């Protein structure tokens, strides 16, 4: 038995997962350029 919240979004919801159904003219990589950076691994 687990506690879950109902499927309707209310003011108690903090995080929402959404997916793209139809892409627009401007790609998401251009809208979020700071999130496209790859993390450099330290050289050993």
ModelCIF file with pLDDT and N, C-alpha, C, O atoms, coordinates in Angstrom:
data_MODEL
#
_entry.id   MODEL 
#
_entity.id                         1 
_entity.type                       polymer 
_entity.pdbx_number_of_molecules   1 
#
_entity_poly.entity_id                      1 
_entity_poly.type                           'polypeptide(L)' 
_entity_poly.nstd_linkage                   no 
_entity_poly.nstd_monomer                   no 
_entity_poly.pdbx_seq_one_letter_code       
;(UNK)(UNK)(UNK)(UNK)(UNK)(UNK)(UNK)(UNK)(UNK)(UNK)(UNK)(UNK)(UNK)(UNK)(UNK)(UNK)
(UNK)(UNK)(UNK)(UNK)(UNK)(UNK)(UNK)(UNK)(UNK)(UNK)(UNK)(UNK)(UNK)(UNK)(UNK)(UNK)
(UNK)(UNK)(UNK)(UNK)(UNK)(UNK)(UNK)(UNK)(UNK)(UNK)(UNK)(UNK)
;
_entity_poly.pdbx_seq_one_letter_code_can   XXXXXXXXXXXXXXXXXXXXXXXXXXXXXXXXXXXXXXXXXXXX 
_entity_poly.pdbx_strand_id                 A 
#
loop_
_entity_poly_seq.entity_id 
_entity_poly_seq.num 
_entity_poly_seq.mon_id 
_entity_poly_seq.hetero 
1 1  UNK n 
1 2  UNK n 
1 3  UNK n 
1 4  UNK n 
1 5  UNK n 
1 6  UNK n 
1 7  UNK n 
1 8  UNK n 
1 9  UNK n 
1 10 UNK n 
1 11 UNK n 
1 12 UNK n 
1 13 UNK n 
1 14 UNK n 
1 15 UNK n 
1 16 UNK n 
1 17 UNK n 
1 18 UNK n 
1 19 UNK n 
1 20 UNK n 
1 21 UNK n 
1 22 UNK n 
1 23 UNK n 
1 24 UNK n 
1 25 UNK n 
1 26 UNK n 
1 27 UNK n 
1 28 UNK n 
1 29 UNK n 
1 30 UNK n 
1 31 UNK n 
1 32 UNK n 
1 33 UNK n 
1 34 UNK n 
1 35 UNK n 
1 36 UNK n 
1 37 UNK n 
1 38 UNK n 
1 39 UNK n 
1 40 UNK n 
1 41 UNK n 
1 42 UNK n 
1 43 UNK n 
1 44 UNK n 
#
_struct_asym.id          A 
_struct_asym.entity_id   1 
#
loop_
_ma_qa_metric.id 
_ma_qa_metric.mode 
_ma_qa_metric.name 
_ma_qa_metric.software_group_id 
_ma_qa_metric.type 
1 global pLDDT . pLDDT 
2 local  pLDDT . pLDDT 
#
_ma_qa_metric_global.metric_id      1 
_ma_qa_metric_global.metric_value   85.02 
_ma_qa_metric_global.model_id       1 
_ma_qa_metric_global.ordinal_id     1 
#
loop_
_ma_qa_metric_local.label_asym_id 
_ma_qa_metric_local.label_comp_id 
_ma_qa_metric_local.label_seq_id 
_ma_qa_metric_local.metric_id 
_ma_qa_metric_local.metric_value 
_ma_qa_metric_local.model_id 
_ma_qa_metric_local.ordinal_id 
A UNK 1  2 88.00 1 1  
A UNK 2  2 88.00 1 2  
A UNK 3  2 91.00 1 3  
A UNK 4  2 92.00 1 4  
A UNK 5  2 94.00 1 5  
A UNK 6  2 94.00 1 6  
A UNK 7  2 92.00 1 7  
A UNK 8  2 94.00 1 8  
A UNK 9  2 94.00 1 9  
A UNK 10 2 92.00 1 10 
A UNK 11 2 91.00 1 11 
A UNK 12 2 92.00 1 12 
A UNK 13 2 93.00 1 13 
A UNK 14 2 95.00 1 14 
A UNK 15 2 95.00 1 15 
A UNK 16 2 95.00 1 16 
A UNK 17 2 95.00 1 17 
A UNK 18 2 95.00 1 18 
A UNK 19 2 95.00 1 19 
A UNK 20 2 94.00 1 20 
A UNK 21 2 94.00 1 21 
A UNK 22 2 92.00 1 22 
A UNK 23 2 91.00 1 23 
A UNK 24 2 87.00 1 24 
A UNK 25 2 87.00 1 25 
A UNK 26 2 88.00 1 26 
A UNK 27 2 88.00 1 27 
A UNK 28 2 88.00 1 28 
A UNK 29 2 84.00 1 29 
A UNK 30 2 86.00 1 30 
A UNK 31 2 87.00 1 31 
A UNK 32 2 85.00 1 32 
A UNK 33 2 79.00 1 33 
A UNK 34 2 80.00 1 34 
A UNK 35 2 79.00 1 35 
A UNK 36 2 69.00 1 36 
A UNK 37 2 68.00 1 37 
A UNK 38 2 63.00 1 38 
A UNK 39 2 61.00 1 39 
A UNK 40 2 62.00 1 40 
A UNK 41 2 62.00 1 41 
A UNK 42 2 67.00 1 42 
A UNK 43 2 65.00 1 43 
A UNK 44 2 70.00 1 44 
#
loop_
_atom_site.group_PDB 
_atom_site.id 
_atom_site.type_symbol 
_atom_site.label_atom_id 
_atom_site.label_alt_id 
_atom_site.label_comp_id 
_atom_site.label_asym_id 
_atom_site.label_entity_id 
_atom_site.label_seq_id 
_atom_site.pdbx_PDB_ins_code 
_atom_site.Cartn_x 
_atom_site.Cartn_y 
_atom_site.Cartn_z 
_atom_site.occupancy 
_atom_site.B_iso_or_equiv 
_atom_site.pdbx_formal_charge 
_atom_site.auth_seq_id 
_atom_site.auth_comp_id 
_atom_site.auth_asym_id 
_atom_site.auth_atom_id 
_atom_site.pdbx_PDB_model_num 
ATOM 1   N N  . UNK A 1 1  ? 0.850  -1.173 0.000   1.00 88.00 ? 1  UNK A N  1 
ATOM 2   C CA . UNK A 1 1  ? 0.000  0.000  0.000   1.00 88.00 ? 1  UNK A CA 1 
ATOM 3   C C  . UNK A 1 1  ? 0.894  1.234  0.000   1.00 88.00 ? 1  UNK A C  1 
ATOM 4   O O  . UNK A 1 1  ? 1.707  1.418  0.906   1.00 88.00 ? 1  UNK A O  1 
ATOM 5   N N  . UNK A 1 2  ? 0.745  2.069  -1.006  1.00 88.00 ? 2  UNK A N  1 
ATOM 6   C CA . UNK A 1 2  ? 1.558  3.273  -1.160  1.00 88.00 ? 2  UNK A CA 1 
ATOM 7   C C  . UNK A 1 2  ? 0.653  4.494  -1.245  1.00 88.00 ? 2  UNK A C  1 
ATOM 8   O O  . UNK A 1 2  ? -0.486 4.404  -1.702  1.00 88.00 ? 2  UNK A O  1 
ATOM 9   N N  . UNK A 1 3  ? 1.165  5.624  -0.806  1.00 91.00 ? 3  UNK A N  1 
ATOM 10  C CA . UNK A 1 3  ? 0.426  6.883  -0.891  1.00 91.00 ? 3  UNK A CA 1 
ATOM 11  C C  . UNK A 1 3  ? 0.762  7.579  -2.193  1.00 91.00 ? 3  UNK A C  1 
ATOM 12  O O  . UNK A 1 3  ? 1.934  7.752  -2.529  1.00 91.00 ? 3  UNK A O  1 
ATOM 13  N N  . UNK A 1 4  ? -0.265 7.976  -2.922  1.00 92.00 ? 4  UNK A N  1 
ATOM 14  C CA . UNK A 1 4  ? -0.092 8.705  -4.179  1.00 92.00 ? 4  UNK A CA 1 
ATOM 15  C C  . UNK A 1 4  ? -1.040 9.900  -4.178  1.00 92.00 ? 4  UNK A C  1 
ATOM 16  O O  . UNK A 1 4  ? -1.967 9.969  -3.370  1.00 92.00 ? 4  UNK A O  1 
ATOM 17  N N  . UNK A 1 5  ? -0.803 10.826 -5.078  1.00 94.00 ? 5  UNK A N  1 
ATOM 18  C CA . UNK A 1 5  ? -1.670 11.989 -5.220  1.00 94.00 ? 5  UNK A CA 1 
ATOM 19  C C  . UNK A 1 5  ? -2.514 11.817 -6.475  1.00 94.00 ? 5  UNK A C  1 
ATOM 20  O O  . UNK A 1 5  ? -2.099 11.151 -7.423  1.00 94.00 ? 5  UNK A O  1 
ATOM 21  N N  . UNK A 1 6  ? -3.692 12.415 -6.479  1.00 94.00 ? 6  UNK A N  1 
ATOM 22  C CA . UNK A 1 6  ? -4.603 12.349 -7.615  1.00 94.00 ? 6  UNK A CA 1 
ATOM 23  C C  . UNK A 1 6  ? -4.018 12.982 -8.859  1.00 94.00 ? 6  UNK A C  1 
ATOM 24  O O  . UNK A 1 6  ? -3.037 13.721 -8.785  1.00 94.00 ? 6  UNK A O  1 
ATOM 25  N N  . UNK A 1 7  ? -4.622 12.691 -10.007 1.00 92.00 ? 7  UNK A N  1 
ATOM 26  C CA . UNK A 1 7  ? -4.047 13.081 -11.292 1.00 92.00 ? 7  UNK A CA 1 
ATOM 27  C C  . UNK A 1 7  ? -4.269 14.541 -11.680 1.00 92.00 ? 7  UNK A C  1 
ATOM 28  O O  . UNK A 1 7  ? -3.716 14.990 -12.684 1.00 92.00 ? 7  UNK A O  1 
ATOM 29  N N  . UNK A 1 8  ? -5.044 15.279 -10.933 1.00 94.00 ? 8  UNK A N  1 
ATOM 30  C CA . UNK A 1 8  ? -5.297 16.683 -11.247 1.00 94.00 ? 8  UNK A CA 1 
ATOM 31  C C  . UNK A 1 8  ? -4.234 17.566 -10.599 1.00 94.00 ? 8  UNK A C  1 
ATOM 32  O O  . UNK A 1 8  ? -3.919 17.406 -9.420  1.00 94.00 ? 8  UNK A O  1 
ATOM 33  N N  . UNK A 1 9  ? -3.692 18.488 -11.366 1.00 94.00 ? 9  UNK A N  1 
ATOM 34  C CA . UNK A 1 9  ? -2.642 19.377 -10.868 1.00 94.00 ? 9  UNK A CA 1 
ATOM 35  C C  . UNK A 1 9  ? -3.262 20.452 -9.976  1.00 94.00 ? 9  UNK A C  1 
ATOM 36  O O  . UNK A 1 9  ? -4.243 21.099 -10.343 1.00 94.00 ? 9  UNK A O  1 
ATOM 37  N N  . UNK A 1 10 ? -2.663 20.627 -8.788  1.00 92.00 ? 10 UNK A N  1 
ATOM 38  C CA . UNK A 1 10 ? -3.135 21.632 -7.840  1.00 92.00 ? 10 UNK A CA 1 
ATOM 39  C C  . UNK A 1 10 ? -1.947 22.475 -7.384  1.00 92.00 ? 10 UNK A C  1 
ATOM 40  O O  . UNK A 1 10 ? -0.843 22.343 -7.911  1.00 92.00 ? 10 UNK A O  1 
ATOM 41  N N  . UNK A 1 11 ? -2.184 23.341 -6.400  1.00 91.00 ? 11 UNK A N  1 
ATOM 42  C CA . UNK A 1 11 ? -1.100 24.178 -5.887  1.00 91.00 ? 11 UNK A CA 1 
ATOM 43  C C  . UNK A 1 11 ? -0.117 23.392 -5.036  1.00 91.00 ? 11 UNK A C  1 
ATOM 44  O O  . UNK A 1 11 ? 0.938  23.923 -4.688  1.00 91.00 ? 11 UNK A O  1 
ATOM 45  N N  . UNK A 1 12 ? -0.421 22.145 -4.687  1.00 92.00 ? 12 UNK A N  1 
ATOM 46  C CA . UNK A 1 12 ? 0.491  21.294 -3.915  1.00 92.00 ? 12 UNK A CA 1 
ATOM 47  C C  . UNK A 1 12 ? 1.535  20.601 -4.797  1.00 92.00 ? 12 UNK A C  1 
ATOM 48  O O  . UNK A 1 12 ? 2.510  20.050 -4.286  1.00 92.00 ? 12 UNK A O  1 
ATOM 49  N N  . UNK A 1 13 ? 1.337  20.626 -6.096  1.00 93.00 ? 13 UNK A N  1 
ATOM 50  C CA . UNK A 1 13 ? 2.264  19.981 -7.031  1.00 93.00 ? 13 UNK A CA 1 
ATOM 51  C C  . UNK A 1 13 ? 3.474  20.881 -7.226  1.00 93.00 ? 13 UNK A C  1 
ATOM 52  O O  . UNK A 1 13 ? 3.336  22.094 -7.380  1.00 93.00 ? 13 UNK A O  1 
ATOM 53  N N  . UNK A 1 14 ? 4.668  20.278 -7.218  1.00 95.00 ? 14 UNK A N  1 
ATOM 54  C CA . UNK A 1 14 ? 5.905  21.034 -7.387  1.00 95.00 ? 14 UNK A CA 1 
ATOM 55  C C  . UNK A 1 14 ? 6.540  20.738 -8.742  1.00 95.00 ? 14 UNK A C  1 
ATOM 56  O O  . UNK A 1 14 ? 6.958  21.650 -9.456  1.00 95.00 ? 14 UNK A O  1 
ATOM 57  N N  . UNK A 1 15 ? 6.607  19.463 -9.085  1.00 95.00 ? 15 UNK A N  1 
ATOM 58  C CA . UNK A 1 15 ? 7.306  19.052 -10.299 1.00 95.00 ? 15 UNK A CA 1 
ATOM 59  C C  . UNK A 1 15 ? 6.325  18.413 -11.270 1.00 95.00 ? 15 UNK A C  1 
ATOM 60  O O  . UNK A 1 15 ? 5.507  17.584 -10.872 1.00 95.00 ? 15 UNK A O  1 
ATOM 61  N N  . UNK A 1 16 ? 6.403  18.798 -12.550 1.00 95.00 ? 16 UNK A N  1 
ATOM 62  C CA . UNK A 1 16 ? 5.520  18.254 -13.582 1.00 95.00 ? 16 UNK A CA 1 
ATOM 63  C C  . UNK A 1 16 ? 6.383  17.753 -14.732 1.00 95.00 ? 16 UNK A C  1 
ATOM 64  O O  . UNK A 1 16 ? 7.265  18.463 -15.216 1.00 95.00 ? 16 UNK A O  1 
ATOM 65  N N  . UNK A 1 17 ? 6.121  16.527 -15.164 1.00 95.00 ? 17 UNK A N  1 
ATOM 66  C CA . UNK A 1 17 ? 6.819  15.946 -16.306 1.00 95.00 ? 17 UNK A CA 1 
ATOM 67  C C  . UNK A 1 17 ? 5.942  16.108 -17.538 1.00 95.00 ? 17 UNK A C  1 
ATOM 68  O O  . UNK A 1 17 ? 4.783  15.694 -17.544 1.00 95.00 ? 17 UNK A O  1 
ATOM 69  N N  . UNK A 1 18 ? 6.502  16.713 -18.580 1.00 95.00 ? 18 UNK A N  1 
ATOM 70  C CA . UNK A 1 18 ? 5.753  16.872 -19.824 1.00 95.00 ? 18 UNK A CA 1 
ATOM 71  C C  . UNK A 1 18 ? 6.596  16.370 -20.979 1.00 95.00 ? 18 UNK A C  1 
ATOM 72  O O  . UNK A 1 18 ? 7.825  16.360 -20.909 1.00 95.00 ? 18 UNK A O  1 
ATOM 73  N N  . UNK A 1 19 ? 5.918  15.950 -22.053 1.00 95.00 ? 19 UNK A N  1 
ATOM 74  C CA . UNK A 1 19 ? 6.643  15.530 -23.243 1.00 95.00 ? 19 UNK A CA 1 
ATOM 75  C C  . UNK A 1 19 ? 6.166  16.345 -24.430 1.00 95.00 ? 19 UNK A C  1 
ATOM 76  O O  . UNK A 1 19 ? 5.037  16.835 -24.454 1.00 95.00 ? 19 UNK A O  1 
ATOM 77  N N  . UNK A 1 20 ? 7.040  16.480 -25.408 1.00 94.00 ? 20 UNK A N  1 
ATOM 78  C CA . UNK A 1 20 ? 6.739  17.238 -26.611 1.00 94.00 ? 20 UNK A CA 1 
ATOM 79  C C  . UNK A 1 20 ? 5.965  16.338 -27.566 1.00 94.00 ? 20 UNK A C  1 
ATOM 80  O O  . UNK A 1 20 ? 6.415  15.241 -27.896 1.00 94.00 ? 20 UNK A O  1 
ATOM 81  N N  . UNK A 1 21 ? 4.807  16.801 -28.005 1.00 94.00 ? 21 UNK A N  1 
ATOM 82  C CA . UNK A 1 21 ? 4.020  16.067 -28.996 1.00 94.00 ? 21 UNK A CA 1 
ATOM 83  C C  . UNK A 1 21 ? 4.296  16.626 -30.381 1.00 94.00 ? 21 UNK A C  1 
ATOM 84  O O  . UNK A 1 21 ? 4.463  15.878 -31.345 1.00 94.00 ? 21 UNK A O  1 
ATOM 85  N N  . UNK A 1 22 ? 4.341  17.951 -30.470 1.00 92.00 ? 22 UNK A N  1 
ATOM 86  C CA . UNK A 1 22 ? 4.585  18.623 -31.748 1.00 92.00 ? 22 UNK A CA 1 
ATOM 87  C C  . UNK A 1 22 ? 5.700  19.629 -31.538 1.00 92.00 ? 22 UNK A C  1 
ATOM 88  O O  . UNK A 1 22 ? 5.612  20.491 -30.663 1.00 92.00 ? 22 UNK A O  1 
ATOM 89  N N  . UNK A 1 23 ? 6.751  19.520 -32.341 1.00 91.00 ? 23 UNK A N  1 
ATOM 90  C CA . UNK A 1 23 ? 7.904  20.407 -32.205 1.00 91.00 ? 23 UNK A CA 1 
ATOM 91  C C  . UNK A 1 23 ? 7.656  21.714 -32.937 1.00 91.00 ? 23 UNK A C  1 
ATOM 92  O O  . UNK A 1 23 ? 7.013  21.741 -33.986 1.00 91.00 ? 23 UNK A O  1 
ATOM 93  N N  . UNK A 1 24 ? 8.167  22.784 -32.377 1.00 87.00 ? 24 UNK A N  1 
ATOM 94  C CA . UNK A 1 24 ? 8.027  24.103 -32.971 1.00 87.00 ? 24 UNK A CA 1 
ATOM 95  C C  . UNK A 1 24 ? 9.172  24.431 -33.904 1.00 87.00 ? 24 UNK A C  1 
ATOM 96  O O  . UNK A 1 24 ? 10.003 23.580 -34.221 1.00 87.00 ? 24 UNK A O  1 
ATOM 97  N N  . UNK A 1 25 ? 9.202  25.694 -34.344 1.00 87.00 ? 25 UNK A N  1 
ATOM 98  C CA . UNK A 1 25 ? 10.230 26.140 -35.285 1.00 87.00 ? 25 UNK A CA 1 
ATOM 99  C C  . UNK A 1 25 ? 11.610 26.203 -34.642 1.00 87.00 ? 25 UNK A C  1 
ATOM 100 O O  . UNK A 1 25 ? 12.609 25.837 -35.261 1.00 87.00 ? 25 UNK A O  1 
ATOM 101 N N  . UNK A 1 26 ? 11.659 26.666 -33.404 1.00 88.00 ? 26 UNK A N  1 
ATOM 102 C CA . UNK A 1 26 ? 12.931 26.819 -32.703 1.00 88.00 ? 26 UNK A CA 1 
ATOM 103 C C  . UNK A 1 26 ? 13.210 25.558 -31.889 1.00 88.00 ? 26 UNK A C  1 
ATOM 104 O O  . UNK A 1 26 ? 12.410 25.221 -31.017 1.00 88.00 ? 26 UNK A O  1 
ATOM 105 N N  . UNK A 1 27 ? 14.323 24.841 -32.141 1.00 88.00 ? 27 UNK A N  1 
ATOM 106 C CA . UNK A 1 27 ? 14.591 23.615 -31.383 1.00 88.00 ? 27 UNK A CA 1 
ATOM 107 C C  . UNK A 1 27 ? 14.887 23.906 -29.909 1.00 88.00 ? 27 UNK A C  1 
ATOM 108 O O  . UNK A 1 27 ? 15.335 24.995 -29.549 1.00 88.00 ? 27 UNK A O  1 
ATOM 109 N N  . UNK A 1 28 ? 14.626 22.907 -29.077 1.00 88.00 ? 28 UNK A N  1 
ATOM 110 C CA . UNK A 1 28 ? 14.824 23.066 -27.634 1.00 88.00 ? 28 UNK A CA 1 
ATOM 111 C C  . UNK A 1 28 ? 16.287 23.311 -27.286 1.00 88.00 ? 28 UNK A C  1 
ATOM 112 O O  . UNK A 1 28 ? 16.576 23.964 -26.282 1.00 88.00 ? 28 UNK A O  1 
ATOM 113 N N  . UNK A 1 29 ? 17.210 22.805 -28.089 1.00 84.00 ? 29 UNK A N  1 
ATOM 114 C CA . UNK A 1 29 ? 18.628 23.033 -27.813 1.00 84.00 ? 29 UNK A CA 1 
ATOM 115 C C  . UNK A 1 29 ? 19.001 24.504 -27.953 1.00 84.00 ? 29 UNK A C  1 
ATOM 116 O O  . UNK A 1 29 ? 19.957 24.958 -27.325 1.00 84.00 ? 29 UNK A O  1 
ATOM 117 N N  . UNK A 1 30 ? 18.265 25.255 -28.762 1.00 86.00 ? 30 UNK A N  1 
ATOM 118 C CA . UNK A 1 30 ? 18.501 26.701 -28.867 1.00 86.00 ? 30 UNK A CA 1 
ATOM 119 C C  . UNK A 1 30 ? 17.777 27.467 -27.753 1.00 86.00 ? 30 UNK A C  1 
ATOM 120 O O  . UNK A 1 30 ? 18.245 28.519 -27.318 1.00 86.00 ? 30 UNK A O  1 
ATOM 121 N N  . UNK A 1 31 ? 16.660 26.950 -27.303 1.00 87.00 ? 31 UNK A N  1 
ATOM 122 C CA . UNK A 1 31 ? 15.912 27.618 -26.235 1.00 87.00 ? 31 UNK A CA 1 
ATOM 123 C C  . UNK A 1 31 ? 16.650 27.481 -24.902 1.00 87.00 ? 31 UNK A C  1 
ATOM 124 O O  . UNK A 1 31 ? 16.639 28.404 -24.087 1.00 87.00 ? 31 UNK A O  1 
ATOM 125 N N  . UNK A 1 32 ? 17.295 26.320 -24.680 1.00 85.00 ? 32 UNK A N  1 
ATOM 126 C CA . UNK A 1 32 ? 18.030 26.056 -23.443 1.00 85.00 ? 32 UNK A CA 1 
ATOM 127 C C  . UNK A 1 32 ? 19.507 25.826 -23.754 1.00 85.00 ? 32 UNK A C  1 
ATOM 128 O O  . UNK A 1 32 ? 19.979 24.699 -23.610 1.00 85.00 ? 32 UNK A O  1 
ATOM 129 N N  . UNK A 1 33 ? 20.256 26.846 -24.176 1.00 79.00 ? 33 UNK A N  1 
ATOM 130 C CA . UNK A 1 33 ? 21.672 26.612 -24.532 1.00 79.00 ? 33 UNK A CA 1 
ATOM 131 C C  . UNK A 1 33 ? 22.540 26.255 -23.324 1.00 79.00 ? 33 UNK A C  1 
ATOM 132 O O  . UNK A 1 33 ? 23.514 25.516 -23.470 1.00 79.00 ? 33 UNK A O  1 
ATOM 133 N N  . UNK A 1 34 ? 22.206 26.764 -22.136 1.00 80.00 ? 34 UNK A N  1 
ATOM 134 C CA . UNK A 1 34 ? 23.029 26.487 -20.950 1.00 80.00 ? 34 UNK A CA 1 
ATOM 135 C C  . UNK A 1 34 ? 22.873 25.042 -20.482 1.00 80.00 ? 34 UNK A C  1 
ATOM 136 O O  . UNK A 1 34 ? 23.729 24.548 -19.748 1.00 80.00 ? 34 UNK A O  1 
ATOM 137 N N  . UNK A 1 35 ? 21.804 24.352 -20.884 1.00 79.00 ? 35 UNK A N  1 
ATOM 138 C CA . UNK A 1 35 ? 21.594 22.966 -20.469 1.00 79.00 ? 35 UNK A CA 1 
ATOM 139 C C  . UNK A 1 35 ? 22.155 21.964 -21.478 1.00 79.00 ? 35 UNK A C  1 
ATOM 140 O O  . UNK A 1 35 ? 22.061 20.756 -21.263 1.00 79.00 ? 35 UNK A O  1 
ATOM 141 N N  . UNK A 1 36 ? 22.733 22.448 -22.567 1.00 69.00 ? 36 UNK A N  1 
ATOM 142 C CA . UNK A 1 36 ? 23.289 21.558 -23.582 1.00 69.00 ? 36 UNK A CA 1 
ATOM 143 C C  . UNK A 1 36 ? 24.752 21.232 -23.351 1.00 69.00 ? 36 UNK A C  1 
ATOM 144 O O  . UNK A 1 36 ? 25.307 20.351 -24.008 1.00 69.00 ? 36 UNK A O  1 
ATOM 145 N N  . UNK A 1 37 ? 25.372 21.930 -22.431 1.00 68.00 ? 37 UNK A N  1 
ATOM 146 C CA . UNK A 1 37 ? 26.799 21.720 -22.202 1.00 68.00 ? 37 UNK A CA 1 
ATOM 147 C C  . UNK A 1 37 ? 27.041 20.334 -21.627 1.00 68.00 ? 37 UNK A C  1 
ATOM 148 O O  . UNK A 1 37 ? 26.317 19.881 -20.741 1.00 68.00 ? 37 UNK A O  1 
ATOM 149 N N  . UNK A 1 38 ? 28.058 19.673 -22.135 1.00 63.00 ? 38 UNK A N  1 
ATOM 150 C CA . UNK A 1 38 ? 28.421 18.372 -21.588 1.00 63.00 ? 38 UNK A CA 1 
ATOM 151 C C  . UNK A 1 38 ? 29.377 18.585 -20.426 1.00 63.00 ? 38 UNK A C  1 
ATOM 152 O O  . UNK A 1 38 ? 30.157 19.536 -20.404 1.00 63.00 ? 38 UNK A O  1 
ATOM 153 N N  . UNK A 1 39 ? 29.298 17.689 -19.473 1.00 61.00 ? 39 UNK A N  1 
ATOM 154 C CA . UNK A 1 39 ? 30.179 17.797 -18.319 1.00 61.00 ? 39 UNK A CA 1 
ATOM 155 C C  . UNK A 1 39 ? 31.520 17.180 -18.680 1.00 61.00 ? 39 UNK A C  1 
ATOM 156 O O  . UNK A 1 39 ? 31.597 16.036 -19.128 1.00 61.00 ? 39 UNK A O  1 
ATOM 157 N N  . UNK A 1 40 ? 32.571 17.961 -18.477 1.00 62.00 ? 40 UNK A N  1 
ATOM 158 C CA . UNK A 1 40 ? 33.910 17.462 -18.760 1.00 62.00 ? 40 UNK A CA 1 
ATOM 159 C C  . UNK A 1 40 ? 34.379 16.588 -17.617 1.00 62.00 ? 40 UNK A C  1 
ATOM 160 O O  . UNK A 1 40 ? 34.290 16.961 -16.448 1.00 62.00 ? 40 UNK A O  1 
ATOM 161 N N  . UNK A 1 41 ? 34.877 15.425 -17.975 1.00 62.00 ? 41 UNK A N  1 
ATOM 162 C CA . UNK A 1 41 ? 35.418 14.523 -16.959 1.00 62.00 ? 41 UNK A CA 1 
ATOM 163 C C  . UNK A 1 41 ? 36.837 14.957 -16.643 1.00 62.00 ? 41 UNK A C  1 
ATOM 164 O O  . UNK A 1 41 ? 37.595 15.312 -17.546 1.00 62.00 ? 41 UNK A O  1 
ATOM 165 N N  . UNK A 1 42 ? 37.203 14.932 -15.371 1.00 67.00 ? 42 UNK A N  1 
ATOM 166 C CA . UNK A 1 42 ? 38.575 15.319 -15.031 1.00 67.00 ? 42 UNK A CA 1 
ATOM 167 C C  . UNK A 1 42 ? 39.553 14.284 -15.575 1.00 67.00 ? 42 UNK A C  1 
ATOM 168 O O  . UNK A 1 42 ? 39.322 13.077 -15.512 1.00 67.00 ? 42 UNK A O  1 
ATOM 169 N N  . UNK A 1 43 ? 40.657 14.806 -16.113 1.00 65.00 ? 43 UNK A N  1 
ATOM 170 C CA . UNK A 1 43 ? 41.670 13.915 -16.673 1.00 65.00 ? 43 UNK A CA 1 
ATOM 171 C C  . UNK A 1 43 ? 42.534 13.357 -15.557 1.00 65.00 ? 43 UNK A C  1 
ATOM 172 O O  . UNK A 1 43 ? 43.006 14.088 -14.687 1.00 65.00 ? 43 UNK A O  1 
ATOM 173 N N  . UNK A 1 44 ? 42.729 12.062 -15.600 1.00 70.00 ? 44 UNK A N  1 
ATOM 174 C CA . UNK A 1 44 ? 43.565 11.381 -14.608 1.00 70.00 ? 44 UNK A CA 1 
ATOM 175 C C  . UNK A 1 44 ? 44.867 10.981 -15.291 1.00 70.00 ? 44 UNK A C  1 
ATOM 176 O O  . UNK A 1 44 ? 45.740 10.389 -14.656 1.00 70.00 ? 44 UNK A O  1 
#
